[in-house]
Amino acid sequence: MYSVLTRNQDINNPDYFKCCCGCHVKQGALTIAIISIVGGFSQLFSGNVFGLYGIVVIAASSLVIYADRKEKAWAYIPYLVVQALGIIGYLVIIVLLLVWAITLPQWLIDSLTKQGTLTHDQIRAACYIAMVILIIGEAFAIWFWSIVFRAYRYMREVLGGPSLDDN
């Protein structure tokens, strides 16, 4: 598997454009778009503040499907931007959870002990468990981003699909 960060990659090598399980990056990006649409709908109907983000994810993922069908490289860019913002958001939340687990702010203790009797150690454990879950989600988000980015590069470089300046 080739790294996205390597300069002067051999774009004529068909192995460069393979991702998980040996499928092509276009197929991988299409699968990721479908998974993201399902995730966007679950965020949309969760009834919290992430509903708006779910709408944005659904729209950006739909553009990935459009990019695959019409072979337009520019349509991958909204997904890449939205996913990058999500990765940054995950990272901020992970750092916040780490700080909260170490310092145990009083508002956190009050809000979590209001619903039941939790000890300080249980609150710390909950923060660490949430951190581990988000780190796993972060790893998948970065992996998904890299596959969609490679599909974008494939469209742009190999197929010669239009990029932003070729409308």
Protein backbone atom coordinates (compact mmCIF):
# COMPACT_ATOMS: atom_id res chain seq x y z
CA MET A 1 0.00 0.00 0.00
CA TYR A 2 1.32 3.42 -0.90
CA SER A 3 1.29 6.45 1.34
CA VAL A 4 -0.62 9.57 0.36
CA LEU A 5 2.28 11.73 1.55
CA THR A 6 4.93 10.24 -0.74
CA ARG A 7 6.01 12.55 -3.54
CA ASN A 8 6.16 11.41 -7.17
CA GLN A 9 4.00 8.35 -6.79
CA ASP A 10 3.69 6.05 -9.76
CA ILE A 11 0.11 6.74 -10.74
CA ASN A 12 0.35 4.16 -13.50
CA ASN A 13 0.84 1.42 -10.92
CA PRO A 14 -2.60 -0.14 -10.37
CA ASP A 15 -1.65 -1.14 -6.81
CA TYR A 16 -1.55 2.56 -5.85
CA PHE A 17 -5.29 2.84 -6.41
CA LYS A 18 -6.30 -0.12 -4.28
CA CYS A 19 -7.60 0.18 -0.76
CA CYS A 20 -9.18 -2.19 1.75
CA CYS A 21 -9.41 -5.80 0.61
CA GLY A 22 -7.88 -4.97 -2.76
CA CYS A 23 -10.84 -3.03 -4.12
CA HIS A 24 -10.34 0.11 -6.16
CA VAL A 25 -10.37 3.48 -4.37
CA LYS A 26 -13.42 4.58 -6.38
CA GLN A 27 -15.36 1.59 -5.03
CA GLY A 28 -13.95 2.25 -1.55
CA ALA A 29 -15.02 5.90 -1.72
CA LEU A 30 -18.50 4.87 -2.87
CA THR A 31 -18.80 2.43 0.05
CA ILE A 32 -17.59 5.10 2.48
CA ALA A 33 -20.14 7.55 1.08
CA ILE A 34 -22.97 5.08 1.69
CA ILE A 35 -21.72 4.41 5.23
CA SER A 36 -21.47 8.18 5.82
CA ILE A 37 -25.01 8.76 4.55
CA VAL A 38 -26.32 6.14 6.98
CA GLY A 39 -24.28 7.79 9.78
CA GLY A 40 -25.58 11.21 8.73
CA PHE A 41 -29.18 10.02 8.97
CA SER A 42 -28.50 8.57 12.42
CA GLN A 43 -27.08 11.93 13.51
CA LEU A 44 -30.02 13.71 11.93
CA PHE A 45 -32.57 11.69 13.89
CA SER A 46 -30.61 11.57 17.16
CA GLY A 47 -32.38 14.70 18.32
CA ASN A 48 -29.33 16.60 19.50
CA VAL A 49 -27.07 19.35 18.25
CA PHE A 50 -25.38 17.05 15.72
CA GLY A 51 -28.47 17.02 13.50
CA LEU A 52 -27.20 19.94 11.43
CA TYR A 53 -23.85 18.22 11.00
CA GLY A 54 -25.77 15.14 9.80
CA ILE A 55 -27.37 17.20 7.01
CA VAL A 56 -23.94 18.45 5.92
CA VAL A 57 -22.51 14.90 5.97
CA ILE A 58 -25.43 13.60 3.89
CA ALA A 59 -24.96 16.36 1.30
CA ALA A 60 -21.18 15.89 1.10
CA SER A 61 -21.50 12.10 0.88
CA SER A 62 -24.09 12.43 -1.86
CA LEU A 63 -21.57 14.47 -3.82
CA VAL A 64 -19.08 11.58 -3.53
CA ILE A 65 -21.67 9.32 -5.18
CA TYR A 66 -22.18 11.99 -7.86
CA ALA A 67 -18.39 12.22 -8.35
CA ASP A 68 -18.19 8.47 -8.83
CA ARG A 69 -21.07 8.29 -11.29
CA LYS A 70 -20.15 11.36 -13.39
CA GLU A 71 -16.35 11.13 -12.94
CA LYS A 72 -16.00 14.67 -11.62
CA ALA A 73 -13.06 15.16 -9.28
CA TRP A 74 -14.32 18.43 -7.78
CA ALA A 75 -17.30 16.68 -6.18
CA TYR A 76 -15.00 14.84 -3.74
CA ILE A 77 -13.75 18.09 -2.19
CA PRO A 78 -16.81 18.91 0.00
CA TYR A 79 -16.58 15.48 1.64
CA LEU A 80 -12.86 15.93 2.23
CA VAL A 81 -13.46 19.31 3.88
CA VAL A 82 -16.36 18.09 6.04
CA GLN A 83 -14.43 14.99 7.08
CA ALA A 84 -11.35 17.09 7.93
CA LEU A 85 -13.51 19.34 10.13
CA GLY A 86 -14.94 16.23 11.80
CA ILE A 87 -11.42 14.90 12.42
CA ILE A 88 -10.43 18.19 14.03
CA GLY A 89 -13.63 18.15 16.11
CA TYR A 90 -12.91 14.60 17.32
CA LEU A 91 -9.39 15.65 18.25
CA VAL A 92 -10.67 18.62 20.28
CA ILE A 93 -13.18 16.42 22.12
CA ILE A 94 -10.48 13.83 22.86
CA VAL A 95 -8.23 16.50 24.37
CA LEU A 96 -11.14 17.91 26.38
CA LEU A 97 -11.99 14.47 27.74
CA LEU A 98 -8.37 13.95 28.75
CA VAL A 99 -8.30 17.29 30.58
CA TRP A 100 -11.62 16.57 32.26
CA ALA A 101 -10.49 13.09 33.33
CA ILE A 102 -7.39 14.57 34.92
CA THR A 103 -8.92 17.65 36.55
CA LEU A 104 -12.52 16.47 37.22
CA PRO A 105 -14.24 19.86 37.03
CA GLN A 106 -17.04 20.40 39.51
CA TRP A 107 -19.71 20.93 36.83
CA LEU A 108 -18.87 17.50 35.40
CA ILE A 109 -19.15 15.86 38.82
CA ASP A 110 -22.46 17.63 39.46
CA SER A 111 -23.97 16.71 36.11
CA LEU A 112 -22.95 13.05 36.28
CA THR A 113 -23.81 12.47 39.94
CA LYS A 114 -27.22 14.08 39.51
CA GLN A 115 -28.54 10.94 37.81
CA GLY A 116 -27.07 8.47 40.24
CA THR A 117 -24.27 7.85 42.66
CA LEU A 118 -21.00 7.86 40.79
CA THR A 119 -17.62 8.03 42.42
CA HIS A 120 -14.78 10.17 41.16
CA ASP A 121 -13.02 7.06 39.86
CA GLN A 122 -16.10 6.01 37.89
CA ILE A 123 -16.31 9.47 36.32
CA ARG A 124 -12.63 9.29 35.37
CA ALA A 125 -13.15 5.82 33.93
CA ALA A 126 -16.12 7.05 31.90
CA CYS A 127 -13.99 9.87 30.46
CA TYR A 128 -11.20 7.45 29.55
CA ILE A 129 -13.62 4.98 27.97
CA ALA A 130 -15.20 7.78 25.92
CA MET A 131 -11.69 8.85 24.89
CA VAL A 132 -10.80 5.35 23.68
CA ILE A 133 -14.05 5.11 21.70
CA LEU A 134 -13.39 8.49 20.08
CA ILE A 135 -9.78 7.56 19.28
CA ILE A 136 -11.05 4.47 17.43
CA GLY A 137 -13.60 6.65 15.63
CA GLU A 138 -10.83 9.12 14.80
CA ALA A 139 -8.71 6.35 13.28
CA PHE A 140 -11.60 5.27 11.05
CA ALA A 141 -12.32 8.89 10.07
CA ILE A 142 -8.69 9.41 9.03
CA TRP A 143 -8.71 6.14 7.11
CA PHE A 144 -11.95 7.06 5.32
CA TRP A 145 -10.55 10.50 4.48
CA SER A 146 -7.40 8.98 2.98
CA ILE A 147 -9.39 6.60 0.77
CA VAL A 148 -11.66 9.37 -0.52
CA PHE A 149 -8.62 11.59 -1.08
CA ARG A 150 -6.96 8.87 -3.15
CA ALA A 151 -10.17 8.50 -5.17
CA TYR A 152 -10.09 12.26 -5.76
CA ARG A 153 -6.47 12.02 -6.94
CA TYR A 154 -7.37 9.12 -9.20
CA MET A 155 -10.18 11.11 -10.80
CA ARG A 156 -8.03 14.18 -11.18
CA GLU A 157 -4.77 12.63 -12.38
CA VAL A 158 -5.58 9.36 -14.12
CA LEU A 159 -9.01 10.01 -15.60
CA GLY A 160 -8.31 13.70 -16.07
CA GLY A 161 -11.63 14.59 -14.50
CA PRO A 162 -12.31 18.26 -13.94
CA SER A 163 -11.03 19.81 -10.76
CA LEU A 164 -12.16 23.10 -9.24
CA ASP A 165 -10.68 25.24 -12.00
CA ASP A 166 -12.18 23.12 -14.82
CA ASN A 167 -15.92 23.74 -14.37
